[in-house]
Amino acid sequence: MKPKRTNKELLGKGVQRMTIALIFMFISPVVIHSAFKNQEHPLYIPILVLGLISAGFAIFMAFKGLKTIMESIFGKKK
């Protein structure tokens, strides 16, 4: 029986998604914090919404990246 090999192309895609998630994990709190510091500014709500959407995107990309990495190591779930 042949041992399974890691799909390096899929692993690279997963690491790329995790990198994007990491970048957004640092950007999102900064945007949300700046929105709360400038509550009297007319663009307060749009900036806050943008920060919350980017935080959600960071969480989504982290889960997607972990799933892709797991698929590259262990193969597709049947």
PDB file of N, CA and C in Angstrom:
ATOM      1  N   MET A   1       0.835  -1.181   0.000  1.00  0.00           N
ATOM      2  CA  MET A   1       0.000   0.000   0.000  1.00  0.00           C
ATOM      3  C   MET A   1       0.878   1.242   0.000  1.00  0.00           C
ATOM      4  N   LYS A   2       0.576   2.166  -0.886  1.00  0.00           N
ATOM      5  CA  LYS A   2       1.365   3.370  -1.067  1.00  0.00           C
ATOM      6  C   LYS A   2       0.971   4.428  -0.025  1.00  0.00           C
ATOM      7  N   PRO A   3       1.946   5.045   0.654  1.00  0.00           N
ATOM      8  CA  PRO A   3       1.589   6.081   1.634  1.00  0.00           C
ATOM      9  C   PRO A   3       1.090   7.343   0.936  1.00  0.00           C
ATOM     10  N   LYS A   4       0.197   8.056   1.614  1.00  0.00           N
ATOM     11  CA  LYS A   4      -0.338   9.288   1.044  1.00  0.00           C
ATOM     12  C   LYS A   4       0.722  10.374   1.058  1.00  0.00           C
ATOM     13  N   ARG A   5       0.719  11.201   0.047  1.00  0.00           N
ATOM     14  CA  ARG A   5       1.634  12.324  -0.052  1.00  0.00           C
ATOM     15  C   ARG A   5       0.850  13.620   0.129  1.00  0.00           C
ATOM     16  N   THR A   6       1.523  14.618   0.655  1.00  0.00           N
ATOM     17  CA  THR A   6       0.897  15.926   0.824  1.00  0.00           C
ATOM     18  C   THR A   6       0.791  16.611  -0.530  1.00  0.00           C
ATOM     19  N   ASN A   7      -0.385  17.126  -0.817  1.00  0.00           N
ATOM     20  CA  ASN A   7      -0.601  17.883  -2.039  1.00  0.00           C
ATOM     21  C   ASN A   7      -0.021  19.281  -1.825  1.00  0.00           C
ATOM     22  N   LYS A   8       1.176  19.526  -2.368  1.00  0.00           N
ATOM     23  CA  LYS A   8       1.891  20.771  -2.109  1.00  0.00           C
ATOM     24  C   LYS A   8       1.193  21.983  -2.712  1.00  0.00           C
ATOM     25  N   GLU A   9       0.535  21.817  -3.839  1.00  0.00           N
ATOM     26  CA  GLU A   9      -0.185  22.927  -4.462  1.00  0.00           C
ATOM     27  C   GLU A   9      -1.358  23.357  -3.579  1.00  0.00           C
ATOM     28  N   LEU A  10      -2.088  22.398  -3.072  1.00  0.00           N
ATOM     29  CA  LEU A  10      -3.213  22.691  -2.189  1.00  0.00           C
ATOM     30  C   LEU A  10      -2.722  23.252  -0.854  1.00  0.00           C
ATOM     31  N   LEU A  11      -1.592  22.759  -0.374  1.00  0.00           N
ATOM     32  CA  LEU A  11      -1.009  23.279   0.859  1.00  0.00           C
ATOM     33  C   LEU A  11      -0.622  24.750   0.691  1.00  0.00           C
ATOM     34  N   GLY A  12      -0.056  25.088  -0.440  1.00  0.00           N
ATOM     35  CA  GLY A  12       0.310  26.478  -0.724  1.00  0.00           C
ATOM     36  C   GLY A  12      -0.903  27.387  -0.754  1.00  0.00           C
ATOM     37  N   LYS A  13      -1.988  26.898  -1.321  1.00  0.00           N
ATOM     38  CA  LYS A  13      -3.226  27.671  -1.361  1.00  0.00           C
ATOM     39  C   LYS A  13      -3.765  27.898   0.057  1.00  0.00           C
ATOM     40  N   GLY A  14      -3.666  26.874   0.901  1.00  0.00           N
ATOM     41  CA  GLY A  14      -4.128  27.004   2.278  1.00  0.00           C
ATOM     42  C   GLY A  14      -3.287  27.984   3.073  1.00  0.00           C
ATOM     43  N   VAL A  15      -1.968  27.935   2.880  1.00  0.00           N
ATOM     44  CA  VAL A  15      -1.082  28.866   3.574  1.00  0.00           C
ATOM     45  C   VAL A  15      -1.340  30.289   3.101  1.00  0.00           C
ATOM     46  N   GLN A  16      -1.628  30.448   1.812  1.00  0.00           N
ATOM     47  CA  GLN A  16      -1.945  31.777   1.281  1.00  0.00           C
ATOM     48  C   GLN A  16      -3.220  32.316   1.917  1.00  0.00           C
ATOM     49  N   ARG A  17      -4.227  31.479   2.069  1.00  0.00           N
ATOM     50  CA  ARG A  17      -5.469  31.910   2.712  1.00  0.00           C
ATOM     51  C   ARG A  17      -5.244  32.265   4.170  1.00  0.00           C
ATOM     52  N   MET A  18      -4.391  31.505   4.853  1.00  0.00           N
ATOM     53  CA  MET A  18      -4.093  31.820   6.243  1.00  0.00           C
ATOM     54  C   MET A  18      -3.329  33.138   6.364  1.00  0.00           C
ATOM     55  N   THR A  19      -2.480  33.440   5.393  1.00  0.00           N
ATOM     56  CA  THR A  19      -1.761  34.712   5.387  1.00  0.00           C
ATOM     57  C   THR A  19      -2.723  35.876   5.207  1.00  0.00           C
ATOM     58  N   ILE A  20      -3.678  35.722   4.298  1.00  0.00           N
ATOM     59  CA  ILE A  20      -4.695  36.758   4.102  1.00  0.00           C
ATOM     60  C   ILE A  20      -5.497  36.949   5.377  1.00  0.00           C
ATOM     61  N   ALA A  21      -5.838  35.856   6.040  1.00  0.00           N
ATOM     62  CA  ALA A  21      -6.592  35.938   7.297  1.00  0.00           C
ATOM     63  C   ALA A  21      -5.772  36.666   8.360  1.00  0.00           C
ATOM     64  N   LEU A  22      -4.486  36.383   8.434  1.00  0.00           N
ATOM     65  CA  LEU A  22      -3.629  37.030   9.420  1.00  0.00           C
ATOM     66  C   LEU A  22      -3.546  38.538   9.183  1.00  0.00           C
ATOM     67  N   ILE A  23      -3.427  38.930   7.924  1.00  0.00           N
ATOM     68  CA  ILE A  23      -3.381  40.358   7.593  1.00  0.00           C
ATOM     69  C   ILE A  23      -4.676  41.037   8.024  1.00  0.00           C
ATOM     70  N   PHE A  24      -5.809  40.424   7.710  1.00  0.00           N
ATOM     71  CA  PHE A  24      -7.088  41.017   8.087  1.00  0.00           C
ATOM     72  C   PHE A  24      -7.323  40.975   9.592  1.00  0.00           C
ATOM     73  N   MET A  25      -6.704  40.014  10.297  1.00  0.00           N
ATOM     74  CA  MET A  25      -6.829  39.968  11.756  1.00  0.00           C
ATOM     75  C   MET A  25      -6.135  41.152  12.417  1.00  0.00           C
ATOM     76  N   PHE A  26      -5.134  41.723  11.766  1.00  0.00           N
ATOM     77  CA  PHE A  26      -4.485  42.910  12.289  1.00  0.00           C
ATOM     78  C   PHE A  26      -5.150  44.194  11.806  1.00  0.00           C
ATOM     79  N   ILE A  27      -5.647  44.215  10.579  1.00  0.00           N
ATOM     80  CA  ILE A  27      -6.249  45.431  10.027  1.00  0.00           C
ATOM     81  C   ILE A  27      -7.618  45.701  10.655  1.00  0.00           C
ATOM     82  N   SER A  28      -8.428  44.675  10.840  1.00  0.00           N
ATOM     83  CA  SER A  28      -9.809  44.852  11.309  1.00  0.00           C
ATOM     84  C   SER A  28      -9.911  45.556  12.660  1.00  0.00           C
ATOM     85  N   PRO A  29      -9.176  45.135  13.687  1.00  0.00           N
ATOM     86  CA  PRO A  29      -9.293  45.846  14.964  1.00  0.00           C
ATOM     87  C   PRO A  29      -8.853  47.303  14.888  1.00  0.00           C
ATOM     88  N   VAL A  30      -7.862  47.598  14.037  1.00  0.00           N
ATOM     89  CA  VAL A  30      -7.414  48.985  13.880  1.00  0.00           C
ATOM     90  C   VAL A  30      -8.529  49.831  13.284  1.00  0.00           C
ATOM     91  N   VAL A  31      -9.210  49.313  12.270  1.00  0.00           N
ATOM     92  CA  VAL A  31     -10.302  50.045  11.633  1.00  0.00           C
ATOM     93  C   VAL A  31     -11.465  50.226  12.609  1.00  0.00           C
ATOM     94  N   ILE A  32     -11.801  49.173  13.342  1.00  0.00           N
ATOM     95  CA  ILE A  32     -12.906  49.263  14.310  1.00  0.00           C
ATOM     96  C   ILE A  32     -12.556  50.257  15.419  1.00  0.00           C
ATOM     97  N   HIS A  33     -11.326  50.227  15.894  1.00  0.00           N
ATOM     98  CA  HIS A  33     -10.900  51.146  16.950  1.00  0.00           C
ATOM     99  C   HIS A  33     -10.949  52.593  16.465  1.00  0.00           C
ATOM    100  N   SER A  34     -10.478  52.831  15.246  1.00  0.00           N
ATOM    101  CA  SER A  34     -10.504  54.201  14.719  1.00  0.00           C
ATOM    102  C   SER A  34     -11.935  54.683  14.514  1.00  0.00           C
ATOM    103  N   ALA A  35     -12.841  53.777  14.181  1.00  0.00           N
ATOM    104  CA  ALA A  35     -14.240  54.167  14.034  1.00  0.00           C
ATOM    105  C   ALA A  35     -14.820  54.591  15.383  1.00  0.00           C
ATOM    106  N   PHE A  36     -14.514  53.837  16.445  1.00  0.00           N
ATOM    107  CA  PHE A  36     -15.044  54.173  17.764  1.00  0.00           C
ATOM    108  C   PHE A  36     -14.406  55.434  18.343  1.00  0.00           C
ATOM    109  N   LYS A  37     -13.180  55.739  17.944  1.00  0.00           N
ATOM    110  CA  LYS A  37     -12.536  56.960  18.439  1.00  0.00           C
ATOM    111  C   LYS A  37     -13.104  58.211  17.768  1.00  0.00           C
ATOM    112  N   ASN A  38     -13.717  58.079  16.604  1.00  0.00           N
ATOM    113  CA  ASN A  38     -14.248  59.221  15.859  1.00  0.00           C
ATOM    114  C   ASN A  38     -15.755  59.086  15.671  1.00  0.00           C
ATOM    115  N   GLN A  39     -16.480  58.934  16.771  1.00  0.00           N
ATOM    116  CA  GLN A  39     -17.923  58.707  16.677  1.00  0.00           C
ATOM    117  C   GLN A  39     -18.680  59.933  16.173  1.00  0.00           C
ATOM    118  N   GLU A  40     -18.114  61.116  16.307  1.00  0.00           N
ATOM    119  CA  GLU A  40     -18.809  62.315  15.846  1.00  0.00           C
ATOM    120  C   GLU A  40     -18.594  62.578  14.353  1.00  0.00           C
ATOM    121  N   HIS A  41     -17.719  61.813  13.738  1.00  0.00           N
ATOM    122  CA  HIS A  41     -17.438  61.978  12.304  1.00  0.00           C
ATOM    123  C   HIS A  41     -18.615  61.446  11.486  1.00  0.00           C
ATOM    124  N   PRO A  42     -18.942  62.080  10.355  1.00  0.00           N
ATOM    125  CA  PRO A  42     -20.084  61.599   9.554  1.00  0.00           C
ATOM    126  C   PRO A  42     -19.890  60.213   8.936  1.00  0.00           C
ATOM    127  N   LEU A  43     -18.658  59.763   8.780  1.00  0.00           N
ATOM    128  CA  LEU A  43     -18.404  58.438   8.200  1.00  0.00           C
ATOM    129  C   LEU A  43     -18.221  57.368   9.272  1.00  0.00           C
ATOM    130  N   TYR A  44     -18.698  57.621  10.484  1.00  0.00           N
ATOM    131  CA  TYR A  44     -18.535  56.680  11.596  1.00  0.00           C
ATOM    132  C   TYR A  44     -19.164  55.320  11.281  1.00  0.00           C
ATOM    133  N   ILE A  45     -20.416  55.307  10.856  1.00  0.00           N
ATOM    134  CA  ILE A  45     -21.129  54.049  10.596  1.00  0.00           C
ATOM    135  C   ILE A  45     -20.496  53.268   9.431  1.00  0.00           C
ATOM    136  N   PRO A  46     -20.211  53.909   8.280  1.00  0.00           N
ATOM    137  CA  PRO A  46     -19.598  53.123   7.188  1.00  0.00           C
ATOM    138  C   PRO A  46     -18.229  52.529   7.560  1.00  0.00           C
ATOM    139  N   ILE A  47     -17.419  53.270   8.313  1.00  0.00           N
ATOM    140  CA  ILE A  47     -16.107  52.755   8.704  1.00  0.00           C
ATOM    141  C   ILE A  47     -16.267  51.597   9.690  1.00  0.00           C
ATOM    142  N   LEU A  48     -17.210  51.730  10.610  1.00  0.00           N
ATOM    143  CA  LEU A  48     -17.466  50.650  11.568  1.00  0.00           C
ATOM    144  C   LEU A  48     -17.957  49.396  10.852  1.00  0.00           C
ATOM    145  N   VAL A  49     -18.854  49.558   9.906  1.00  0.00           N
ATOM    146  CA  VAL A  49     -19.364  48.418   9.134  1.00  0.00           C
ATOM    147  C   VAL A  49     -18.229  47.776   8.333  1.00  0.00           C
ATOM    148  N   LEU A  50     -17.373  48.607   7.742  1.00  0.00           N
ATOM    149  CA  LEU A  50     -16.225  48.080   6.994  1.00  0.00           C
ATOM    150  C   LEU A  50     -15.307  47.269   7.902  1.00  0.00           C
ATOM    151  N   GLY A  51     -15.066  47.754   9.111  1.00  0.00           N
ATOM    152  CA  GLY A  51     -14.232  47.025  10.064  1.00  0.00           C
ATOM    153  C   GLY A  51     -14.859  45.709  10.480  1.00  0.00           C
ATOM    154  N   LEU A  52     -16.162  45.706  10.719  1.00  0.00           N
ATOM    155  CA  LEU A  52     -16.841  44.469  11.122  1.00  0.00           C
ATOM    156  C   LEU A  52     -16.876  43.450   9.984  1.00  0.00           C
ATOM    157  N   ILE A  53     -17.081  43.923   8.768  1.00  0.00           N
ATOM    158  CA  ILE A  53     -17.073  43.019   7.614  1.00  0.00           C
ATOM    159  C   ILE A  53     -15.683  42.422   7.418  1.00  0.00           C
ATOM    160  N   SER A  54     -14.639  43.247   7.581  1.00  0.00           N
ATOM    161  CA  SER A  54     -13.280  42.717   7.415  1.00  0.00           C
ATOM    162  C   SER A  54     -12.920  41.738   8.535  1.00  0.00           C
ATOM    163  N   ALA A  55     -13.456  41.948   9.737  1.00  0.00           N
ATOM    164  CA  ALA A  55     -13.228  40.985  10.823  1.00  0.00           C
ATOM    165  C   ALA A  55     -13.910  39.655  10.508  1.00  0.00           C
ATOM    166  N   GLY A  56     -15.122  39.714   9.996  1.00  0.00           N
ATOM    167  CA  GLY A  56     -15.818  38.493   9.588  1.00  0.00           C
ATOM    168  C   GLY A  56     -15.089  37.779   8.459  1.00  0.00           C
ATOM    169  N   PHE A  57     -14.538  38.566   7.525  1.00  0.00           N
ATOM    170  CA  PHE A  57     -13.782  37.987   6.421  1.00  0.00           C
ATOM    171  C   PHE A  57     -12.520  37.292   6.930  1.00  0.00           C
ATOM    172  N   ALA A  58     -11.877  37.870   7.949  1.00  0.00           N
ATOM    173  CA  ALA A  58     -10.677  37.255   8.528  1.00  0.00           C
ATOM    174  C   ALA A  58     -11.013  35.899   9.136  1.00  0.00           C
ATOM    175  N   ILE A  59     -12.124  35.822   9.849  1.00  0.00           N
ATOM    176  CA  ILE A  59     -12.541  34.555  10.459  1.00  0.00           C
ATOM    177  C   ILE A  59     -12.872  33.537   9.374  1.00  0.00           C
ATOM    178  N   PHE A  60     -13.592  33.977   8.338  1.00  0.00           N
ATOM    179  CA  PHE A  60     -13.953  33.089   7.231  1.00  0.00           C
ATOM    180  C   PHE A  60     -12.713  32.538   6.537  1.00  0.00           C
ATOM    181  N   MET A  61     -11.734  33.408   6.255  1.00  0.00           N
ATOM    182  CA  MET A  61     -10.524  32.963   5.566  1.00  0.00           C
ATOM    183  C   MET A  61      -9.684  32.032   6.440  1.00  0.00           C
ATOM    184  N   ALA A  62      -9.709  32.241   7.751  1.00  0.00           N
ATOM    185  CA  ALA A  62      -8.971  31.351   8.644  1.00  0.00           C
ATOM    186  C   ALA A  62      -9.559  29.945   8.604  1.00  0.00           C
ATOM    187  N   PHE A  63     -10.878  29.842   8.677  1.00  0.00           N
ATOM    188  CA  PHE A  63     -11.504  28.522   8.601  1.00  0.00           C
ATOM    189  C   PHE A  63     -11.279  27.878   7.234  1.00  0.00           C
ATOM    190  N   LYS A  64     -11.407  28.673   6.181  1.00  0.00           N
ATOM    191  CA  LYS A  64     -11.210  28.155   4.833  1.00  0.00           C
ATOM    192  C   LYS A  64      -9.758  27.687   4.643  1.00  0.00           C
ATOM    193  N   GLY A  65      -8.808  28.454   5.164  1.00  0.00           N
ATOM    194  CA  GLY A  65      -7.401  28.084   5.056  1.00  0.00           C
ATOM    195  C   GLY A  65      -7.076  26.818   5.825  1.00  0.00           C
ATOM    196  N   LEU A  66      -7.613  26.706   7.040  1.00  0.00           N
ATOM    197  CA  LEU A  66      -7.381  25.483   7.818  1.00  0.00           C
ATOM    198  C   LEU A  66      -7.978  24.267   7.137  1.00  0.00           C
ATOM    199  N   LYS A  67      -9.165  24.426   6.579  1.00  0.00           N
ATOM    200  CA  LYS A  67      -9.805  23.315   5.870  1.00  0.00           C
ATOM    201  C   LYS A  67      -8.962  22.890   4.666  1.00  0.00           C
ATOM    202  N   THR A  68      -8.439  23.860   3.932  1.00  0.00           N
ATOM    203  CA  THR A  68      -7.623  23.554   2.759  1.00  0.00           C
ATOM    204  C   THR A  68      -6.327  22.859   3.157  1.00  0.00           C
ATOM    205  N   ILE A  69      -5.711  23.313   4.237  1.00  0.00           N
ATOM    206  CA  ILE A  69      -4.479  22.673   4.706  1.00  0.00           C
ATOM    207  C   ILE A  69      -4.754  21.239   5.144  1.00  0.00           C
ATOM    208  N   MET A  70      -5.843  21.031   5.846  1.00  0.00           N
ATOM    209  CA  MET A  70      -6.195  19.673   6.287  1.00  0.00           C
ATOM    210  C   MET A  70      -6.471  18.769   5.082  1.00  0.00           C
ATOM    211  N   GLU A  71      -7.126  19.290   4.054  1.00  0.00           N
ATOM    212  CA  GLU A  71      -7.382  18.502   2.843  1.00  0.00           C
ATOM    213  C   GLU A  71      -6.072  18.163   2.136  1.00  0.00           C
ATOM    214  N   SER A  72      -5.108  19.073   2.152  1.00  0.00           N
ATOM    215  CA  SER A  72      -3.857  18.801   1.457  1.00  0.00           C
ATOM    216  C   SER A  72      -3.049  17.725   2.182  1.00  0.00           C
ATOM    217  N   ILE A  73      -3.174  17.662   3.495  1.00  0.00           N
ATOM    218  CA  ILE A  73      -2.411  16.675   4.258  1.00  0.00           C
ATOM    219  C   ILE A  73      -3.106  15.325   4.280  1.00  0.00           C
ATOM    220  N   PHE A  74      -4.397  15.306   4.563  1.00  0.00           N
ATOM    221  CA  PHE A  74      -5.117  14.051   4.771  1.00  0.00           C
ATOM    222  C   PHE A  74      -5.968  13.615   3.582  1.00  0.00           C
ATOM    223  N   GLY A  75      -6.134  14.450   2.600  1.00  0.00           N
ATOM    224  CA  GLY A  75      -6.972  14.097   1.463  1.00  0.00           C
ATOM    225  C   GLY A  75      -8.403  14.541   1.668  1.00  0.00           C
ATOM    226  N   LYS A  76      -9.211  14.417   0.623  1.00  0.00           N
ATOM    227  CA  LYS A  76     -10.616  14.806   0.679  1.00  0.00           C
ATOM    228  C   LYS A  76     -11.395  13.888   1.604  1.00  0.00           C
ATOM    229  N   LYS A  77     -12.368  14.475   2.299  1.00  0.00           N
ATOM    230  CA  LYS A  77     -13.253  13.710   3.161  1.00  0.00           C
ATOM    231  C   LYS A  77     -14.280  12.998   2.297  1.00  0.00           C
ATOM    232  N   LYS A  78     -14.489  11.720   2.531  1.00  0.00           N
ATOM    233  CA  LYS A  78     -15.425  10.952   1.706  1.00  0.00           C
ATOM    234  C   LYS A  78     -16.806  10.928   2.297  1.00  0.00           C
TER     235      LYS A  78
END
